[in-house]
């Protein structure tokens, strides 16, 4: 006579035979993500850059990695994360990259700062950083600061540019500021532009660029 297993026993055996369901992976901790930024695996670094934005001190960790990162895809992920952070630490870190000898890094930092400024700069960190950069002893850094202003929608852009052409002694910094004033200047820039021409009376480009800016402003 055949033996019939009890229902409970049969159910238990059936469950035991079924493969265990896959559990969802545990989210990485902030410490793990920070360590992931230093991984030898570029894919791990890229994943860490995307995930670390909600962690404390993420800006400092991302900027530190950005300064030495060689993989283009990872650098892009870090820059995107810094823009998403939109906080003073991230903005200051990007500004610091303008002093780098790495041309690609400088250009990426300029673009990221432009995007931050264009996207609203909710932390309000860009203006004070720009003020600091415009006072930098390195004229190249001051030029980069003017370059950042190209996409800024901020009521003080013209005032900052006027201050540059009134006070900066370096011709290339002033020339960069005049080029942008040609696009954004108003009547407030007329007298400063005339004074700039007088200050650099023997510099043909300044004369040309200032005259072009004056013509455009007077036509508004």
C-alpha atoms as a PDB file:
ATOM      1  CA  UNK A   1       0.000   0.000   0.000  1.00  0.00           C
ATOM      2  CA  UNK A   2       1.417   3.379  -1.005  1.00  0.00           C
ATOM      3  CA  UNK A   3       2.156   5.891   1.719  1.00  0.00           C
ATOM      4  CA  UNK A   4       0.576   9.356   1.398  1.00  0.00           C
ATOM      5  CA  UNK A   5       2.587  12.251   2.806  1.00  0.00           C
ATOM      6  CA  UNK A   6       0.796  14.753   4.939  1.00  0.00           C
ATOM      7  CA  UNK A   7       0.036  18.140   3.372  1.00  0.00           C
ATOM      8  CA  UNK A   8       2.216  20.062   5.779  1.00  0.00           C
ATOM      9  CA  UNK A   9       5.165  17.775   5.175  1.00  0.00           C
ATOM     10  CA  UNK A  10       4.666  17.985   1.395  1.00  0.00           C
ATOM     11  CA  UNK A  11       4.462  21.789   1.462  1.00  0.00           C
ATOM     12  CA  UNK A  12       7.638  22.014   3.510  1.00  0.00           C
ATOM     13  CA  UNK A  13       9.498  19.716   1.153  1.00  0.00           C
ATOM     14  CA  UNK A  14       8.289  21.737  -1.845  1.00  0.00           C
ATOM     15  CA  UNK A  15       9.456  24.990  -0.319  1.00  0.00           C
ATOM     16  CA  UNK A  16      12.809  23.471   0.524  1.00  0.00           C
ATOM     17  CA  UNK A  17      13.249  22.413  -3.094  1.00  0.00           C
ATOM     18  CA  UNK A  18      12.561  25.914  -4.444  1.00  0.00           C
ATOM     19  CA  UNK A  19      15.605  28.155  -4.935  1.00  0.00           C
ATOM     20  CA  UNK A  20      15.817  31.022  -2.515  1.00  0.00           C
ATOM     21  CA  UNK A  21      14.619  34.315  -4.027  1.00  0.00           C
ATOM     22  CA  UNK A  22      17.228  36.966  -4.745  1.00  0.00           C
ATOM     23  CA  UNK A  23      17.271  39.694  -2.108  1.00  0.00           C
ATOM     24  CA  UNK A  24      17.783  43.292  -3.123  1.00  0.00           C
ATOM     25  CA  UNK A  25      21.381  44.436  -2.751  1.00  0.00           C
ATOM     26  CA  UNK A  26      22.014  46.614   0.266  1.00  0.00           C
ATOM     27  CA  UNK A  27      22.703  50.262  -0.687  1.00  0.00           C
ATOM     28  CA  UNK A  28      26.347  51.185  -0.321  1.00  0.00           C
ATOM     29  CA  UNK A  29      27.240  53.237   2.731  1.00  0.00           C
ATOM     30  CA  UNK A  30      28.885  56.632   2.441  1.00  0.00           C
ATOM     31  CA  UNK A  31      32.163  55.102   3.573  1.00  0.00           C
ATOM     32  CA  UNK A  32      31.893  52.440   0.881  1.00  0.00           C
ATOM     33  CA  UNK A  33      31.108  55.026  -1.774  1.00  0.00           C
ATOM     34  CA  UNK A  34      34.064  57.169  -0.697  1.00  0.00           C
ATOM     35  CA  UNK A  35      36.288  54.104  -0.922  1.00  0.00           C
ATOM     36  CA  UNK A  36      34.747  53.307  -4.306  1.00  0.00           C
ATOM     37  CA  UNK A  37      35.996  56.633  -5.656  1.00  0.00           C
ATOM     38  CA  UNK A  38      39.523  55.319  -5.150  1.00  0.00           C
ATOM     39  CA  UNK A  39      38.873  51.889  -6.679  1.00  0.00           C
ATOM     40  CA  UNK A  40      41.147  50.589  -9.436  1.00  0.00           C
ATOM     41  CA  UNK A  41      37.974  49.744 -11.410  1.00  0.00           C
ATOM     42  CA  UNK A  42      36.682  52.716 -13.432  1.00  0.00           C
ATOM     43  CA  UNK A  43      33.124  51.353 -13.391  1.00  0.00           C
ATOM     44  CA  UNK A  44      33.193  51.254  -9.586  1.00  0.00           C
ATOM     45  CA  UNK A  45      34.514  54.827  -9.446  1.00  0.00           C
ATOM     46  CA  UNK A  46      31.789  55.996 -11.822  1.00  0.00           C
ATOM     47  CA  UNK A  47      29.087  54.274  -9.750  1.00  0.00           C
ATOM     48  CA  UNK A  48      30.499  55.794  -6.560  1.00  0.00           C
ATOM     49  CA  UNK A  49      30.508  59.284  -8.074  1.00  0.00           C
ATOM     50  CA  UNK A  50      26.832  58.950  -8.932  1.00  0.00           C
ATOM     51  CA  UNK A  51      25.863  57.592  -5.536  1.00  0.00           C
ATOM     52  CA  UNK A  52      27.844  59.770  -3.166  1.00  0.00           C
ATOM     53  CA  UNK A  53      25.918  63.009  -3.749  1.00  0.00           C
ATOM     54  CA  UNK A  54      23.669  62.420  -0.725  1.00  0.00           C
ATOM     55  CA  UNK A  55      26.612  61.858   1.621  1.00  0.00           C
ATOM     56  CA  UNK A  56      28.190  64.440   3.941  1.00  0.00           C
ATOM     57  CA  UNK A  57      31.419  65.929   2.568  1.00  0.00           C
ATOM     58  CA  UNK A  58      30.635  64.562  -0.894  1.00  0.00           C
ATOM     59  CA  UNK A  59      31.934  67.735  -2.541  1.00  0.00           C
ATOM     60  CA  UNK A  60      35.401  67.436  -1.035  1.00  0.00           C
ATOM     61  CA  UNK A  61      35.655  63.731  -1.921  1.00  0.00           C
ATOM     62  CA  UNK A  62      34.522  64.307  -5.504  1.00  0.00           C
ATOM     63  CA  UNK A  63      36.872  67.254  -6.083  1.00  0.00           C
ATOM     64  CA  UNK A  64      39.790  65.304  -4.641  1.00  0.00           C
ATOM     65  CA  UNK A  65      39.128  62.462  -7.084  1.00  0.00           C
ATOM     66  CA  UNK A  66      38.502  64.822 -10.003  1.00  0.00           C
ATOM     67  CA  UNK A  67      41.989  66.299  -9.701  1.00  0.00           C
ATOM     68  CA  UNK A  68      43.639  62.958 -10.404  1.00  0.00           C
ATOM     69  CA  UNK A  69      41.009  61.081 -12.447  1.00  0.00           C
ATOM     70  CA  UNK A  70      42.145  60.093 -15.953  1.00  0.00           C
ATOM     71  CA  UNK A  71      39.082  58.220 -17.257  1.00  0.00           C
ATOM     72  CA  UNK A  72      36.832  60.545 -19.290  1.00  0.00           C
ATOM     73  CA  UNK A  73      33.597  58.760 -18.301  1.00  0.00           C
ATOM     74  CA  UNK A  74      34.454  58.935 -14.609  1.00  0.00           C
ATOM     75  CA  UNK A  75      35.396  62.615 -14.842  1.00  0.00           C
ATOM     76  CA  UNK A  76      32.061  63.300 -16.527  1.00  0.00           C
ATOM     77  CA  UNK A  77      30.214  61.485 -13.733  1.00  0.00           C
ATOM     78  CA  UNK A  78      32.128  63.455 -11.080  1.00  0.00           C
ATOM     79  CA  UNK A  79      31.423  66.790 -12.765  1.00  0.00           C
ATOM     80  CA  UNK A  80      27.730  65.932 -13.096  1.00  0.00           C
ATOM     81  CA  UNK A  81      27.636  65.008  -9.406  1.00  0.00           C
ATOM     82  CA  UNK A  82      29.318  68.288  -8.409  1.00  0.00           C
ATOM     83  CA  UNK A  83      26.771  70.260 -10.429  1.00  0.00           C
ATOM     84  CA  UNK A  84      23.946  68.284  -8.798  1.00  0.00           C
ATOM     85  CA  UNK A  85      25.379  69.025  -5.354  1.00  0.00           C
ATOM     86  CA  UNK A  86      25.255  72.793  -6.033  1.00  0.00           C
ATOM     87  CA  UNK A  87      26.792  73.632  -2.654  1.00  0.00           C
ATOM     88  CA  UNK A  88      29.621  75.932  -1.534  1.00  0.00           C
ATOM     89  CA  UNK A  89      32.142  73.093  -1.147  1.00  0.00           C
ATOM     90  CA  UNK A  90      31.517  71.819  -4.675  1.00  0.00           C
ATOM     91  CA  UNK A  91      31.652  75.325  -6.159  1.00  0.00           C
ATOM     92  CA  UNK A  92      34.846  76.232  -4.310  1.00  0.00           C
ATOM     93  CA  UNK A  93      36.402  72.923  -5.359  1.00  0.00           C
ATOM     94  CA  UNK A  94      35.607  73.562  -9.013  1.00  0.00           C
ATOM     95  CA  UNK A  95      37.016  77.084  -8.720  1.00  0.00           C
ATOM     96  CA  UNK A  96      40.213  75.648  -7.308  1.00  0.00           C
ATOM     97  CA  UNK A  97      40.597  73.542 -10.451  1.00  0.00           C
ATOM     98  CA  UNK A  98      41.036  76.754 -12.457  1.00  0.00           C
ATOM     99  CA  UNK A  99      44.551  76.940 -11.014  1.00  0.00           C
ATOM    100  CA  UNK A 100      45.442  73.474 -12.308  1.00  0.00           C
ATOM    101  CA  UNK A 101      48.161  72.933 -14.918  1.00  0.00           C
ATOM    102  CA  UNK A 102      45.821  70.380 -16.557  1.00  0.00           C
ATOM    103  CA  UNK A 103      44.184  72.277 -19.431  1.00  0.00           C
ATOM    104  CA  UNK A 104      41.366  69.741 -19.835  1.00  0.00           C
ATOM    105  CA  UNK A 105      40.549  69.930 -16.131  1.00  0.00           C
ATOM    106  CA  UNK A 106      40.499  73.747 -16.221  1.00  0.00           C
ATOM    107  CA  UNK A 107      38.137  73.755 -19.196  1.00  0.00           C
ATOM    108  CA  UNK A 108      35.862  71.183 -17.555  1.00  0.00           C
ATOM    109  CA  UNK A 109      35.770  73.256 -14.363  1.00  0.00           C
ATOM    110  CA  UNK A 110      34.874  76.396 -16.327  1.00  0.00           C
ATOM    111  CA  UNK A 111      32.037  74.572 -18.085  1.00  0.00           C
ATOM    112  CA  UNK A 112      30.773  73.113 -14.797  1.00  0.00           C
ATOM    113  CA  UNK A 113      30.802  76.544 -13.119  1.00  0.00           C
ATOM    114  CA  UNK A 114      28.973  78.005 -16.113  1.00  0.00           C
ATOM    115  CA  UNK A 115      26.354  75.288 -15.833  1.00  0.00           C
ATOM    116  CA  UNK A 116      26.003  75.913 -12.106  1.00  0.00           C
ATOM    117  CA  UNK A 117      25.529  79.624 -12.742  1.00  0.00           C
ATOM    118  CA  UNK A 118      23.100  79.033 -15.596  1.00  0.00           C
ATOM    119  CA  UNK A 119      21.035  76.513 -13.652  1.00  0.00           C
ATOM    120  CA  UNK A 120      20.237  78.979 -10.885  1.00  0.00           C
ATOM    121  CA  UNK A 121      23.020  78.463  -8.327  1.00  0.00           C
ATOM    122  CA  UNK A 122      20.521  77.679  -5.569  1.00  0.00           C
ATOM    123  CA  UNK A 123      23.283  77.714  -2.948  1.00  0.00           C
ATOM    124  CA  UNK A 124      24.321  81.234  -4.004  1.00  0.00           C
ATOM    125  CA  UNK A 125      27.933  80.050  -4.004  1.00  0.00           C
ATOM    126  CA  UNK A 126      29.051  81.256  -7.443  1.00  0.00           C
ATOM    127  CA  UNK A 127      29.137  85.067  -6.854  1.00  0.00           C
ATOM    128  CA  UNK A 128      31.475  84.992  -3.817  1.00  0.00           C
ATOM    129  CA  UNK A 129      33.709  82.463  -5.561  1.00  0.00           C
ATOM    130  CA  UNK A 130      33.858  84.703  -8.643  1.00  0.00           C
ATOM    131  CA  UNK A 131      34.729  87.705  -6.485  1.00  0.00           C
ATOM    132  CA  UNK A 132      37.638  85.744  -5.050  1.00  0.00           C
ATOM    133  CA  UNK A 133      38.792  84.592  -8.489  1.00  0.00           C
ATOM    134  CA  UNK A 134      38.668  88.135  -9.885  1.00  0.00           C
ATOM    135  CA  UNK A 135      41.076  89.181  -7.126  1.00  0.00           C
ATOM    136  CA  UNK A 136      43.465  86.291  -7.753  1.00  0.00           C
ATOM    137  CA  UNK A 137      47.091  87.321  -8.339  1.00  0.00           C
ATOM    138  CA  UNK A 138      47.263  85.088 -11.434  1.00  0.00           C
ATOM    139  CA  UNK A 139      45.845  86.969 -14.469  1.00  0.00           C
ATOM    140  CA  UNK A 140      44.955  83.670 -16.155  1.00  0.00           C
ATOM    141  CA  UNK A 141      42.680  82.793 -13.242  1.00  0.00           C
ATOM    142  CA  UNK A 142      41.045  86.223 -13.501  1.00  0.00           C
ATOM    143  CA  UNK A 143      40.454  85.603 -17.208  1.00  0.00           C
ATOM    144  CA  UNK A 144      38.879  82.220 -16.418  1.00  0.00           C
ATOM    145  CA  UNK A 145      36.584  83.967 -13.917  1.00  0.00           C
ATOM    146  CA  UNK A 146      35.378  86.343 -16.644  1.00  0.00           C
ATOM    147  CA  UNK A 147      34.856  83.333 -18.921  1.00  0.00           C
ATOM    148  CA  UNK A 148      32.562  81.777 -16.306  1.00  0.00           C
ATOM    149  CA  UNK A 149      30.336  84.868 -16.452  1.00  0.00           C
ATOM    150  CA  UNK A 150      29.454  84.261 -20.095  1.00  0.00           C
ATOM    151  CA  UNK A 151      26.385  82.220 -19.249  1.00  0.00           C
ATOM    152  CA  UNK A 152      25.446  83.874 -15.963  1.00  0.00           C
ATOM    153  CA  UNK A 153      22.016  85.402 -15.549  1.00  0.00           C
ATOM    154  CA  UNK A 154      22.850  87.610 -12.602  1.00  0.00           C
ATOM    155  CA  UNK A 155      22.112  91.301 -11.994  1.00  0.00           C
ATOM    156  CA  UNK A 156      25.718  92.025 -10.985  1.00  0.00           C
ATOM    157  CA  UNK A 157      27.507  90.649 -14.067  1.00  0.00           C
ATOM    158  CA  UNK A 158      27.833  94.057 -15.707  1.00  0.00           C
ATOM    159  CA  UNK A 159      29.007  95.638 -12.438  1.00  0.00           C
ATOM    160  CA  UNK A 160      31.688  92.972 -12.015  1.00  0.00           C
ATOM    161  CA  UNK A 161      32.897  93.485 -15.591  1.00  0.00           C
ATOM    162  CA  UNK A 162      33.005  97.259 -15.123  1.00  0.00           C
ATOM    163  CA  UNK A 163      35.079  96.798 -11.968  1.00  0.00           C
ATOM    164  CA  UNK A 164      37.493  94.646 -13.975  1.00  0.00           C
ATOM    165  CA  UNK A 165      38.046  97.225 -16.721  1.00  0.00           C
ATOM    166  CA  UNK A 166      38.319 100.011 -14.140  1.00  0.00           C
ATOM    167  CA  UNK A 167      40.787  98.345 -11.794  1.00  0.00           C
ATOM    168  CA  UNK A 168      42.624  95.435 -13.414  1.00  0.00           C
ATOM    169  CA  UNK A 169      46.087  96.334 -14.705  1.00  0.00           C
ATOM    170  CA  UNK A 170      46.466  93.332 -17.034  1.00  0.00           C
ATOM    171  CA  UNK A 171      45.550  94.029 -20.632  1.00  0.00           C
ATOM    172  CA  UNK A 172      44.352  90.489 -21.402  1.00  0.00           C
ATOM    173  CA  UNK A 173      41.998  90.439 -18.409  1.00  0.00           C
ATOM    174  CA  UNK A 174      40.534  93.779 -19.473  1.00  0.00           C
ATOM    175  CA  UNK A 175      40.236  92.635 -23.079  1.00  0.00           C
ATOM    176  CA  UNK A 176      38.296  89.532 -22.020  1.00  0.00           C
ATOM    177  CA  UNK A 177      35.964  91.667 -19.902  1.00  0.00           C
ATOM    178  CA  UNK A 178      35.391  94.128 -22.767  1.00  0.00           C
ATOM    179  CA  UNK A 179      34.490  91.283 -25.116  1.00  0.00           C
ATOM    180  CA  UNK A 180      31.750  90.215 -22.720  1.00  0.00           C
ATOM    181  CA  UNK A 181      30.619  93.794 -22.062  1.00  0.00           C
ATOM    182  CA  UNK A 182      30.031  94.040 -25.787  1.00  0.00           C
ATOM    183  CA  UNK A 183      27.255  91.476 -25.240  1.00  0.00           C
ATOM    184  CA  UNK A 184      25.819  92.490 -21.866  1.00  0.00           C
ATOM    185  CA  UNK A 185      26.809  96.140 -21.376  1.00  0.00           C
ATOM    186  CA  UNK A 186      24.359  98.977 -20.870  1.00  0.00           C
ATOM    187  CA  UNK A 187      24.756 102.750 -20.634  1.00  0.00           C
ATOM    188  CA  UNK A 188      26.435 102.207 -17.270  1.00  0.00           C
ATOM    189  CA  UNK A 189      29.475 100.856 -19.119  1.00  0.00           C
ATOM    190  CA  UNK A 190      29.995 103.877 -21.412  1.00  0.00           C
ATOM    191  CA  UNK A 191      32.193 106.035 -19.169  1.00  0.00           C
ATOM    192  CA  UNK A 192      34.254 103.076 -17.884  1.00  0.00           C
ATOM    193  CA  UNK A 193      34.885 101.976 -21.489  1.00  0.00           C
ATOM    194  CA  UNK A 194      36.037 105.482 -22.431  1.00  0.00           C
ATOM    195  CA  UNK A 195      38.368 105.548 -19.420  1.00  0.00           C
ATOM    196  CA  UNK A 196      39.705 102.129 -20.412  1.00  0.00           C
ATOM    197  CA  UNK A 197      40.586 103.464 -23.855  1.00  0.00           C
ATOM    198  CA  UNK A 198      42.447 106.332 -22.230  1.00  0.00           C
ATOM    199  CA  UNK A 199      44.298 103.974 -19.898  1.00  0.00           C
ATOM    200  CA  UNK A 200      45.440 101.685 -22.732  1.00  0.00           C
ATOM    201  CA  UNK A 201      45.728 104.359 -25.401  1.00  0.00           C
ATOM    202  CA  UNK A 202      48.561 102.572 -27.226  1.00  0.00           C
ATOM    203  CA  UNK A 203      46.925  99.138 -27.267  1.00  0.00           C
ATOM    204  CA  UNK A 204      45.152  98.570 -30.618  1.00  0.00           C
ATOM    205  CA  UNK A 205      42.965  95.655 -29.486  1.00  0.00           C
ATOM    206  CA  UNK A 206      41.645  97.509 -26.452  1.00  0.00           C
ATOM    207  CA  UNK A 207      40.848 100.505 -28.641  1.00  0.00           C
ATOM    208  CA  UNK A 208      39.032  98.314 -31.150  1.00  0.00           C
ATOM    209  CA  UNK A 209      37.121  96.175 -28.633  1.00  0.00           C
ATOM    210  CA  UNK A 210      36.102  99.133 -26.468  1.00  0.00           C
ATOM    211  CA  UNK A 211      34.928 101.078 -29.512  1.00  0.00           C
ATOM    212  CA  UNK A 212      32.876  98.089 -30.641  1.00  0.00           C
ATOM    213  CA  UNK A 213      31.326  97.766 -27.177  1.00  0.00           C
ATOM    214  CA  UNK A 214      30.583 101.504 -27.072  1.00  0.00           C
ATOM    215  CA  UNK A 215      28.904 101.360 -30.473  1.00  0.00           C
ATOM    216  CA  UNK A 216      26.714  98.449 -29.421  1.00  0.00           C
ATOM    217  CA  UNK A 217      25.756 100.038 -26.078  1.00  0.00           C
ATOM    218  CA  UNK A 218      24.839 103.353 -27.695  1.00  0.00           C
ATOM    219  CA  UNK A 219      22.610 101.564 -30.193  1.00  0.00           C
ATOM    220  CA  UNK A 220      20.531  99.905 -27.470  1.00  0.00           C
END
